[in-house]
Amino acid sequence: MEDVPAFTRFQRMLLGTDGTVTHILEAYADEPIDVVKLQQEFGTSGGAHPELELPADDDKVLRRRVVLRGRQSGRTLLYAEAVVVLARAAPAFLDGLLATDKPIGILLAELRTETFREILRVDREPAGATGAHFGLEPAALLISRTYRIVTGHAPTVLITEKFPPSFFRDLPA
């Protein structure tokens, strides 16, 4: 891989947090953050996500793609993909995902769901089609992190978040 600058302090905070990213982005951007749903559909995992530790006969999932966007600026700050295991998710949580535009972390907090978040990997990767959400060419790089949310001792949600390396370089004044 070409010479890529090290992560900034804020990027490391964002990539390493096990808290609600939306609150961190709101503090950074100094504006409320809106979730814009790009896609949400039911399906099966097809064995594509071993991190969710799904038995072969119970792989029904909800797939969700969103961007987190500044309410006033309209700037896309983050792209995220989530896979939710239906059998492990509380009905109220699923209802919230389907009926509202609330971020996953905020829904879990509102429902007072006890969770454990485990960061699985942090990487840099070509933007591909995701780059369009940031106005980038497919060959541009994105920083990504993948983590899972564990509820009731079982992986329930797998999330990958992406943003351009040029984002979050400096802390605003």
N, C-alpha and C. Protein backbone atom coordinates (compact mmCIF):
# COMPACT_ATOMS: atom_id res chain seq x y z
N MET A 1 0.85 -1.18 0.00
CA MET A 1 0.00 0.00 0.00
C MET A 1 0.89 1.24 0.00
N GLU A 2 0.44 2.28 -0.65
CA GLU A 2 1.19 3.53 -0.74
C GLU A 2 1.40 4.13 0.64
N ASP A 3 2.28 5.13 0.72
CA ASP A 3 2.49 5.80 1.99
C ASP A 3 1.20 6.50 2.41
N VAL A 4 0.67 6.11 3.53
CA VAL A 4 -0.57 6.68 4.04
C VAL A 4 -0.26 7.29 5.40
N PRO A 5 -0.65 8.54 5.60
CA PRO A 5 -0.35 9.16 6.90
C PRO A 5 -0.98 8.39 8.05
N ALA A 6 -0.37 8.48 9.19
CA ALA A 6 -0.91 7.85 10.40
C ALA A 6 -2.24 8.50 10.75
N PHE A 7 -3.02 7.79 11.54
CA PHE A 7 -4.29 8.35 11.98
C PHE A 7 -4.03 9.55 12.90
N THR A 8 -4.90 10.54 12.79
CA THR A 8 -4.81 11.67 13.72
C THR A 8 -5.35 11.23 15.08
N ARG A 9 -5.13 12.04 16.06
CA ARG A 9 -5.61 11.73 17.41
C ARG A 9 -7.13 11.54 17.40
N PHE A 10 -7.86 12.44 16.73
CA PHE A 10 -9.31 12.32 16.72
C PHE A 10 -9.76 11.08 15.93
N GLN A 11 -9.09 10.78 14.81
CA GLN A 11 -9.43 9.57 14.07
C GLN A 11 -9.23 8.33 14.93
N ARG A 12 -8.14 8.30 15.71
CA ARG A 12 -7.91 7.17 16.60
C ARG A 12 -9.01 7.08 17.65
N MET A 13 -9.47 8.23 18.17
CA MET A 13 -10.58 8.22 19.13
C MET A 13 -11.83 7.64 18.48
N LEU A 14 -12.12 8.08 17.28
CA LEU A 14 -13.33 7.64 16.58
C LEU A 14 -13.25 6.14 16.27
N LEU A 15 -12.09 5.68 15.82
CA LEU A 15 -11.92 4.27 15.47
C LEU A 15 -11.88 3.37 16.69
N GLY A 16 -11.45 3.89 17.82
CA GLY A 16 -11.28 3.06 19.01
C GLY A 16 -12.39 3.13 20.02
N THR A 17 -13.35 4.02 19.82
CA THR A 17 -14.40 4.17 20.81
C THR A 17 -15.32 2.96 20.83
N ASP A 18 -15.84 2.65 22.01
CA ASP A 18 -16.87 1.64 22.08
C ASP A 18 -18.17 2.29 22.54
N GLY A 19 -18.24 3.60 22.36
CA GLY A 19 -19.44 4.35 22.70
C GLY A 19 -20.24 4.66 21.45
N THR A 20 -21.17 5.57 21.58
CA THR A 20 -22.04 5.95 20.48
C THR A 20 -21.34 6.97 19.59
N VAL A 21 -21.00 6.59 18.38
CA VAL A 21 -20.28 7.43 17.44
C VAL A 21 -21.06 8.70 17.12
N THR A 22 -22.38 8.61 17.05
CA THR A 22 -23.19 9.77 16.70
C THR A 22 -22.93 10.93 17.66
N HIS A 23 -22.87 10.66 18.96
CA HIS A 23 -22.61 11.73 19.93
C HIS A 23 -21.24 12.35 19.72
N ILE A 24 -20.25 11.53 19.40
CA ILE A 24 -18.90 12.03 19.15
C ILE A 24 -18.88 12.91 17.90
N LEU A 25 -19.57 12.48 16.86
CA LEU A 25 -19.63 13.27 15.63
C LEU A 25 -20.36 14.59 15.84
N GLU A 26 -21.42 14.57 16.65
CA GLU A 26 -22.13 15.81 16.94
C GLU A 26 -21.23 16.80 17.66
N ALA A 27 -20.45 16.32 18.61
CA ALA A 27 -19.53 17.20 19.33
C ALA A 27 -18.46 17.74 18.39
N TYR A 28 -17.95 16.89 17.51
CA TYR A 28 -16.91 17.30 16.58
C TYR A 28 -17.44 18.33 15.57
N ALA A 29 -18.59 18.03 14.97
CA ALA A 29 -19.15 18.87 13.91
C ALA A 29 -19.89 20.09 14.44
N ASP A 30 -20.17 20.11 15.73
CA ASP A 30 -20.90 21.20 16.36
C ASP A 30 -22.27 21.42 15.71
N GLU A 31 -22.92 20.29 15.41
CA GLU A 31 -24.27 20.34 14.87
C GLU A 31 -24.92 18.97 15.08
N PRO A 32 -26.25 18.94 15.10
CA PRO A 32 -26.93 17.64 15.21
C PRO A 32 -26.62 16.78 13.98
N ILE A 33 -26.63 15.48 14.18
CA ILE A 33 -26.36 14.53 13.10
C ILE A 33 -27.64 13.76 12.79
N ASP A 34 -27.96 13.68 11.52
CA ASP A 34 -29.13 12.92 11.06
C ASP A 34 -28.68 11.60 10.44
N VAL A 35 -29.48 10.56 10.65
CA VAL A 35 -29.26 9.28 9.98
C VAL A 35 -30.10 9.29 8.71
N VAL A 36 -29.45 9.01 7.60
CA VAL A 36 -30.16 8.91 6.32
C VAL A 36 -30.07 7.46 5.88
N LYS A 37 -31.22 6.78 5.87
CA LYS A 37 -31.24 5.38 5.46
C LYS A 37 -31.09 5.29 3.95
N LEU A 38 -30.14 4.49 3.53
CA LEU A 38 -29.93 4.24 2.11
C LEU A 38 -30.60 2.95 1.67
N GLN A 39 -30.57 1.97 2.57
CA GLN A 39 -31.16 0.66 2.28
C GLN A 39 -31.43 -0.05 3.59
N GLN A 40 -32.53 -0.76 3.63
CA GLN A 40 -32.86 -1.58 4.80
C GLN A 40 -33.71 -2.74 4.29
N GLU A 41 -33.20 -3.98 4.49
CA GLU A 41 -33.93 -5.13 3.96
C GLU A 41 -33.65 -6.37 4.79
N PHE A 42 -34.62 -7.26 4.80
CA PHE A 42 -34.47 -8.54 5.47
C PHE A 42 -33.84 -9.54 4.51
N GLY A 43 -33.10 -10.48 5.06
CA GLY A 43 -32.47 -11.51 4.24
C GLY A 43 -31.84 -12.55 5.13
N THR A 44 -30.89 -13.28 4.56
CA THR A 44 -30.14 -14.27 5.33
C THR A 44 -28.67 -13.89 5.25
N SER A 45 -27.91 -14.36 6.22
CA SER A 45 -26.49 -14.03 6.24
C SER A 45 -25.73 -14.83 5.19
N GLY A 46 -26.24 -16.00 4.85
CA GLY A 46 -25.57 -16.83 3.87
C GLY A 46 -24.17 -17.23 4.29
N GLY A 47 -23.92 -17.20 5.60
CA GLY A 47 -22.60 -17.56 6.10
C GLY A 47 -21.54 -16.50 5.87
N ALA A 48 -21.96 -15.32 5.41
CA ALA A 48 -21.00 -14.27 5.04
C ALA A 48 -20.40 -13.54 6.24
N HIS A 49 -20.93 -13.74 7.41
CA HIS A 49 -20.48 -12.98 8.57
C HIS A 49 -20.16 -13.91 9.74
N PRO A 50 -19.02 -14.57 9.70
CA PRO A 50 -18.67 -15.49 10.79
C PRO A 50 -18.55 -14.79 12.15
N GLU A 51 -18.34 -13.47 12.13
CA GLU A 51 -18.24 -12.71 13.38
C GLU A 51 -19.53 -12.76 14.19
N LEU A 52 -20.64 -13.07 13.51
CA LEU A 52 -21.93 -13.13 14.21
C LEU A 52 -22.20 -14.51 14.82
N GLU A 53 -21.35 -15.47 14.53
CA GLU A 53 -21.45 -16.81 15.13
C GLU A 53 -22.86 -17.38 14.99
N LEU A 54 -23.35 -17.40 13.78
CA LEU A 54 -24.71 -17.88 13.51
C LEU A 54 -24.73 -19.37 13.19
N PRO A 55 -25.66 -20.10 13.79
CA PRO A 55 -25.85 -21.49 13.36
C PRO A 55 -26.42 -21.50 11.94
N ALA A 56 -26.14 -22.54 11.20
CA ALA A 56 -26.55 -22.61 9.79
C ALA A 56 -28.06 -22.49 9.60
N ASP A 57 -28.83 -22.94 10.57
CA ASP A 57 -30.29 -22.94 10.40
C ASP A 57 -30.97 -21.69 10.95
N ASP A 58 -30.20 -20.72 11.43
CA ASP A 58 -30.81 -19.52 12.03
C ASP A 58 -30.01 -18.30 11.61
N ASP A 59 -30.15 -17.93 10.34
CA ASP A 59 -29.33 -16.83 9.86
C ASP A 59 -30.13 -15.68 9.28
N LYS A 60 -31.38 -15.50 9.74
CA LYS A 60 -32.20 -14.39 9.26
C LYS A 60 -31.66 -13.08 9.85
N VAL A 61 -31.46 -12.09 8.97
CA VAL A 61 -30.85 -10.83 9.38
C VAL A 61 -31.59 -9.65 8.76
N LEU A 62 -31.35 -8.49 9.35
CA LEU A 62 -31.75 -7.21 8.78
C LEU A 62 -30.46 -6.53 8.34
N ARG A 63 -30.38 -6.16 7.08
CA ARG A 63 -29.22 -5.43 6.56
C ARG A 63 -29.61 -3.97 6.43
N ARG A 64 -28.70 -3.11 6.85
CA ARG A 64 -29.01 -1.68 6.87
C ARG A 64 -27.78 -0.91 6.41
N ARG A 65 -27.97 0.03 5.50
CA ARG A 65 -26.90 0.95 5.07
C ARG A 65 -27.39 2.36 5.29
N VAL A 66 -26.56 3.18 5.93
CA VAL A 66 -26.92 4.55 6.25
C VAL A 66 -25.72 5.47 6.06
N VAL A 67 -26.01 6.76 6.00
CA VAL A 67 -24.97 7.77 6.16
C VAL A 67 -25.37 8.64 7.34
N LEU A 68 -24.37 9.13 8.05
CA LEU A 68 -24.59 10.10 9.11
C LEU A 68 -24.20 11.46 8.53
N ARG A 69 -25.14 12.40 8.57
CA ARG A 69 -25.00 13.68 7.88
C ARG A 69 -25.29 14.82 8.83
N GLY A 70 -24.49 15.88 8.73
CA GLY A 70 -24.72 17.09 9.52
C GLY A 70 -26.04 17.72 9.14
N ARG A 71 -26.87 18.05 10.12
CA ARG A 71 -28.21 18.58 9.85
C ARG A 71 -28.16 19.94 9.16
N GLN A 72 -27.29 20.84 9.61
CA GLN A 72 -27.20 22.17 9.00
C GLN A 72 -26.31 22.17 7.76
N SER A 73 -25.17 21.52 7.85
CA SER A 73 -24.20 21.57 6.75
C SER A 73 -24.56 20.65 5.59
N GLY A 74 -25.31 19.59 5.88
CA GLY A 74 -25.63 18.60 4.85
C GLY A 74 -24.43 17.74 4.49
N ARG A 75 -23.35 17.86 5.23
CA ARG A 75 -22.11 17.12 4.94
C ARG A 75 -22.21 15.68 5.46
N THR A 76 -21.93 14.72 4.59
CA THR A 76 -21.87 13.33 5.01
C THR A 76 -20.57 13.11 5.77
N LEU A 77 -20.69 12.64 7.00
CA LEU A 77 -19.52 12.43 7.86
C LEU A 77 -19.11 10.98 7.95
N LEU A 78 -20.07 10.07 7.77
CA LEU A 78 -19.78 8.66 7.98
C LEU A 78 -20.75 7.82 7.18
N TYR A 79 -20.26 6.73 6.64
CA TYR A 79 -21.08 5.73 5.97
C TYR A 79 -21.04 4.48 6.85
N ALA A 80 -22.16 3.80 7.02
CA ALA A 80 -22.18 2.62 7.88
C ALA A 80 -23.07 1.53 7.29
N GLU A 81 -22.61 0.30 7.48
CA GLU A 81 -23.38 -0.89 7.12
C GLU A 81 -23.57 -1.70 8.39
N ALA A 82 -24.77 -2.21 8.61
CA ALA A 82 -25.04 -3.03 9.79
C ALA A 82 -25.79 -4.28 9.38
N VAL A 83 -25.50 -5.36 10.10
CA VAL A 83 -26.22 -6.62 9.94
C VAL A 83 -26.72 -6.96 11.34
N VAL A 84 -28.04 -7.11 11.47
CA VAL A 84 -28.68 -7.38 12.76
C VAL A 84 -29.28 -8.79 12.73
N VAL A 85 -28.91 -9.61 13.70
CA VAL A 85 -29.45 -10.97 13.79
C VAL A 85 -30.85 -10.87 14.40
N LEU A 86 -31.87 -11.22 13.62
CA LEU A 86 -33.25 -11.04 14.05
C LEU A 86 -33.58 -11.82 15.31
N ALA A 87 -33.14 -13.06 15.41
CA ALA A 87 -33.48 -13.90 16.56
C ALA A 87 -32.87 -13.40 17.86
N ARG A 88 -31.84 -12.57 17.78
CA ARG A 88 -31.16 -12.09 18.99
C ARG A 88 -31.52 -10.66 19.35
N ALA A 89 -32.25 -9.99 18.50
CA ALA A 89 -32.59 -8.58 18.73
C ALA A 89 -33.96 -8.46 19.38
N ALA A 90 -34.05 -7.55 20.34
CA ALA A 90 -35.34 -7.30 21.00
C ALA A 90 -36.33 -6.72 19.99
N PRO A 91 -37.60 -7.14 20.07
CA PRO A 91 -38.61 -6.62 19.14
C PRO A 91 -38.68 -5.08 19.14
N ALA A 92 -38.56 -4.45 20.29
CA ALA A 92 -38.61 -2.98 20.35
C ALA A 92 -37.44 -2.36 19.60
N PHE A 93 -36.28 -2.99 19.66
CA PHE A 93 -35.10 -2.51 18.93
C PHE A 93 -35.35 -2.61 17.42
N LEU A 94 -35.85 -3.76 16.96
CA LEU A 94 -36.16 -3.92 15.54
C LEU A 94 -37.21 -2.93 15.09
N ASP A 95 -38.25 -2.73 15.90
CA ASP A 95 -39.29 -1.76 15.56
C ASP A 95 -38.68 -0.37 15.40
N GLY A 96 -37.76 -0.01 16.31
CA GLY A 96 -37.11 1.29 16.24
C GLY A 96 -36.27 1.46 14.99
N LEU A 97 -35.56 0.40 14.60
CA LEU A 97 -34.77 0.46 13.37
C LEU A 97 -35.66 0.65 12.15
N LEU A 98 -36.78 -0.05 12.12
CA LEU A 98 -37.65 0.00 10.96
C LEU A 98 -38.49 1.27 10.90
N ALA A 99 -38.94 1.75 12.05
CA ALA A 99 -39.91 2.85 12.06
C ALA A 99 -39.30 4.23 12.27
N THR A 100 -38.03 4.31 12.68
CA THR A 100 -37.43 5.62 12.95
C THR A 100 -36.11 5.76 12.19
N ASP A 101 -35.54 6.94 12.27
CA ASP A 101 -34.22 7.20 11.70
C ASP A 101 -33.18 7.36 12.80
N LYS A 102 -33.42 6.73 13.93
CA LYS A 102 -32.48 6.84 15.05
C LYS A 102 -31.28 5.94 14.82
N PRO A 103 -30.11 6.40 15.24
CA PRO A 103 -28.91 5.55 15.15
C PRO A 103 -29.04 4.33 16.07
N ILE A 104 -28.34 3.26 15.71
CA ILE A 104 -28.39 2.01 16.48
C ILE A 104 -28.01 2.23 17.93
N GLY A 105 -26.91 2.94 18.18
CA GLY A 105 -26.45 3.16 19.55
C GLY A 105 -27.45 3.91 20.39
N ILE A 106 -28.11 4.89 19.80
CA ILE A 106 -29.10 5.68 20.54
C ILE A 106 -30.33 4.83 20.84
N LEU A 107 -30.76 4.01 19.87
CA LEU A 107 -31.89 3.11 20.13
C LEU A 107 -31.58 2.16 21.27
N LEU A 108 -30.39 1.57 21.25
CA LEU A 108 -30.01 0.64 22.32
C LEU A 108 -29.99 1.35 23.67
N ALA A 109 -29.50 2.58 23.70
CA ALA A 109 -29.46 3.34 24.96
C ALA A 109 -30.87 3.67 25.44
N GLU A 110 -31.73 4.12 24.53
CA GLU A 110 -33.11 4.44 24.91
C GLU A 110 -33.84 3.23 25.47
N LEU A 111 -33.54 2.06 24.94
CA LEU A 111 -34.17 0.83 25.40
C LEU A 111 -33.45 0.25 26.62
N ARG A 112 -32.37 0.90 27.02
CA ARG A 112 -31.56 0.48 28.16
C ARG A 112 -31.06 -0.96 27.99
N THR A 113 -30.64 -1.26 26.76
CA THR A 113 -30.14 -2.59 26.43
C THR A 113 -28.69 -2.70 26.89
N GLU A 114 -28.40 -3.72 27.68
CA GLU A 114 -27.03 -3.95 28.10
C GLU A 114 -26.26 -4.56 26.94
N THR A 115 -25.13 -3.91 26.60
CA THR A 115 -24.35 -4.36 25.46
C THR A 115 -22.86 -4.38 25.79
N PHE A 116 -22.15 -5.10 24.97
CA PHE A 116 -20.70 -5.09 24.96
C PHE A 116 -20.30 -4.89 23.51
N ARG A 117 -19.40 -3.95 23.24
CA ARG A 117 -18.94 -3.70 21.88
C ARG A 117 -17.51 -4.18 21.74
N GLU A 118 -17.29 -4.92 20.68
CA GLU A 118 -15.96 -5.49 20.45
C GLU A 118 -15.47 -5.05 19.07
N ILE A 119 -14.40 -4.26 19.06
CA ILE A 119 -13.81 -3.82 17.80
C ILE A 119 -13.04 -5.00 17.21
N LEU A 120 -13.36 -5.35 15.98
CA LEU A 120 -12.77 -6.51 15.33
C LEU A 120 -11.61 -6.14 14.41
N ARG A 121 -11.74 -5.01 13.71
CA ARG A 121 -10.64 -4.59 12.83
C ARG A 121 -10.79 -3.12 12.44
N VAL A 122 -9.66 -2.53 12.15
CA VAL A 122 -9.56 -1.16 11.62
C VAL A 122 -8.68 -1.27 10.39
N ASP A 123 -9.08 -0.59 9.31
CA ASP A 123 -8.36 -0.77 8.06
C ASP A 123 -8.48 0.46 7.18
N ARG A 124 -7.72 0.45 6.11
CA ARG A 124 -7.88 1.40 5.00
C ARG A 124 -8.21 0.55 3.79
N GLU A 125 -9.15 1.04 2.97
CA GLU A 125 -9.59 0.25 1.82
C GLU A 125 -10.02 1.18 0.70
N PRO A 126 -10.01 0.69 -0.54
CA PRO A 126 -10.52 1.51 -1.66
C PRO A 126 -11.99 1.84 -1.43
N ALA A 127 -12.37 3.04 -1.81
CA ALA A 127 -13.74 3.52 -1.56
C ALA A 127 -14.77 2.74 -2.37
N GLY A 128 -14.44 2.35 -3.59
CA GLY A 128 -15.43 1.68 -4.43
C GLY A 128 -16.67 2.56 -4.57
N ALA A 129 -17.82 1.93 -4.65
CA ALA A 129 -19.09 2.66 -4.82
C ALA A 129 -19.41 3.54 -3.62
N THR A 130 -18.90 3.19 -2.44
CA THR A 130 -19.15 3.97 -1.23
C THR A 130 -18.59 5.39 -1.35
N GLY A 131 -17.53 5.55 -2.13
CA GLY A 131 -16.92 6.86 -2.30
C GLY A 131 -17.88 7.93 -2.78
N ALA A 132 -18.89 7.54 -3.57
CA ALA A 132 -19.86 8.51 -4.09
C ALA A 132 -20.56 9.27 -2.98
N HIS A 133 -20.76 8.67 -1.83
CA HIS A 133 -21.42 9.34 -0.71
C HIS A 133 -20.58 10.50 -0.18
N PHE A 134 -19.29 10.46 -0.44
CA PHE A 134 -18.38 11.51 0.01
C PHE A 134 -17.85 12.35 -1.15
N GLY A 135 -18.34 12.09 -2.36
CA GLY A 135 -17.84 12.80 -3.53
C GLY A 135 -16.45 12.35 -3.94
N LEU A 136 -16.11 11.08 -3.69
CA LEU A 136 -14.79 10.55 -3.98
C LEU A 136 -14.83 9.56 -5.14
N GLU A 137 -13.71 9.43 -5.81
CA GLU A 137 -13.55 8.43 -6.86
C GLU A 137 -13.45 7.04 -6.22
N PRO A 138 -13.81 5.99 -6.95
CA PRO A 138 -13.73 4.63 -6.40
C PRO A 138 -12.33 4.22 -5.93
N ALA A 139 -11.29 4.75 -6.54
CA ALA A 139 -9.92 4.38 -6.16
C ALA A 139 -9.44 5.09 -4.89
N ALA A 140 -10.16 6.11 -4.44
CA ALA A 140 -9.76 6.84 -3.23
C ALA A 140 -9.81 5.89 -2.03
N LEU A 141 -9.06 6.22 -1.00
CA LEU A 141 -9.05 5.39 0.21
C LEU A 141 -10.10 5.85 1.21
N LEU A 142 -10.62 4.88 1.96
CA LEU A 142 -11.48 5.15 3.11
C LEU A 142 -10.87 4.46 4.31
N ILE A 143 -11.06 5.04 5.47
CA ILE A 143 -10.71 4.40 6.73
C ILE A 143 -11.96 3.66 7.18
N SER A 144 -11.80 2.45 7.68
CA SER A 144 -12.97 1.70 8.13
C SER A 144 -12.68 1.02 9.46
N ARG A 145 -13.75 0.76 10.17
CA ARG A 145 -13.66 -0.08 11.37
C ARG A 145 -14.88 -0.97 11.39
N THR A 146 -14.67 -2.19 11.87
CA THR A 146 -15.76 -3.15 12.00
C THR A 146 -15.81 -3.59 13.45
N TYR A 147 -17.00 -3.57 14.01
CA TYR A 147 -17.17 -4.02 15.39
C TYR A 147 -18.50 -4.74 15.51
N ARG A 148 -18.62 -5.50 16.58
CA ARG A 148 -19.88 -6.17 16.83
C ARG A 148 -20.42 -5.74 18.18
N ILE A 149 -21.74 -5.76 18.27
CA ILE A 149 -22.43 -5.45 19.51
C ILE A 149 -23.00 -6.76 20.04
N VAL A 150 -22.62 -7.09 21.25
CA VAL A 150 -23.03 -8.33 21.89
C VAL A 150 -24.12 -8.00 22.90
N THR A 151 -25.24 -8.72 22.81
CA THR A 151 -26.31 -8.62 23.81
C THR A 151 -26.63 -10.03 24.27
N GLY A 152 -26.86 -10.19 25.55
CA GLY A 152 -27.19 -11.52 26.07
C GLY A 152 -26.13 -12.55 25.76
N HIS A 153 -24.88 -12.16 25.77
CA HIS A 153 -23.73 -13.04 25.52
C HIS A 153 -23.65 -13.58 24.09
N ALA A 154 -24.37 -12.95 23.15
CA ALA A 154 -24.33 -13.41 21.76
C ALA A 154 -24.17 -12.21 20.83
N PRO A 155 -23.33 -12.33 19.79
CA PRO A 155 -23.21 -11.24 18.82
C PRO A 155 -24.55 -10.98 18.15
N THR A 156 -25.02 -9.73 18.23
CA THR A 156 -26.34 -9.39 17.72
C THR A 156 -26.27 -8.45 16.52
N VAL A 157 -25.29 -7.55 16.51
CA VAL A 157 -25.17 -6.57 15.44
C VAL A 157 -23.71 -6.52 15.00
N LEU A 158 -23.49 -6.50 13.70
CA LEU A 158 -22.17 -6.31 13.12
C LEU A 158 -22.20 -5.01 12.34
N ILE A 159 -21.30 -4.09 12.64
CA ILE A 159 -21.30 -2.76 12.02
C ILE A 159 -19.94 -2.47 11.41
N THR A 160 -19.95 -1.93 10.21
CA THR A 160 -18.75 -1.40 9.58
C THR A 160 -19.01 0.07 9.28
N GLU A 161 -18.12 0.94 9.74
CA GLU A 161 -18.22 2.38 9.53
C GLU A 161 -17.03 2.82 8.70
N LYS A 162 -17.27 3.77 7.78
CA LYS A 162 -16.22 4.23 6.87
C LYS A 162 -16.25 5.75 6.73
N PHE A 163 -15.06 6.33 6.55
CA PHE A 163 -14.94 7.75 6.28
C PHE A 163 -13.61 8.02 5.58
N PRO A 164 -13.51 9.13 4.83
CA PRO A 164 -12.26 9.44 4.14
C PRO A 164 -11.15 9.84 5.12
N PRO A 165 -9.90 9.51 4.81
CA PRO A 165 -8.78 9.89 5.69
C PRO A 165 -8.64 11.40 5.85
N SER A 166 -9.17 12.16 4.90
CA SER A 166 -9.09 13.62 5.00
C SER A 166 -10.04 14.19 6.05
N PHE A 167 -11.00 13.38 6.52
CA PHE A 167 -11.94 13.84 7.53
C PHE A 167 -11.32 13.72 8.92
N PHE A 168 -11.72 14.61 9.80
CA PHE A 168 -11.35 14.55 11.21
C PHE A 168 -9.84 14.68 11.40
N ARG A 169 -9.21 15.51 10.56
CA ARG A 169 -7.77 15.72 10.65
C ARG A 169 -7.44 16.69 11.77
N ASP A 170 -8.28 17.67 11.97
CA ASP A 170 -8.02 18.68 12.99
C ASP A 170 -9.26 18.83 13.86
N LEU A 171 -9.04 19.22 15.08
CA LEU A 171 -10.17 19.53 15.95
C LEU A 171 -10.64 20.93 15.66
N PRO A 172 -11.95 21.16 15.51
CA PRO A 172 -12.43 22.51 15.25
C PRO A 172 -12.17 23.43 16.44
N ALA A 173 -12.11 24.73 16.14
CA ALA A 173 -11.84 25.73 17.18
C ALA A 173 -13.01 25.87 18.11
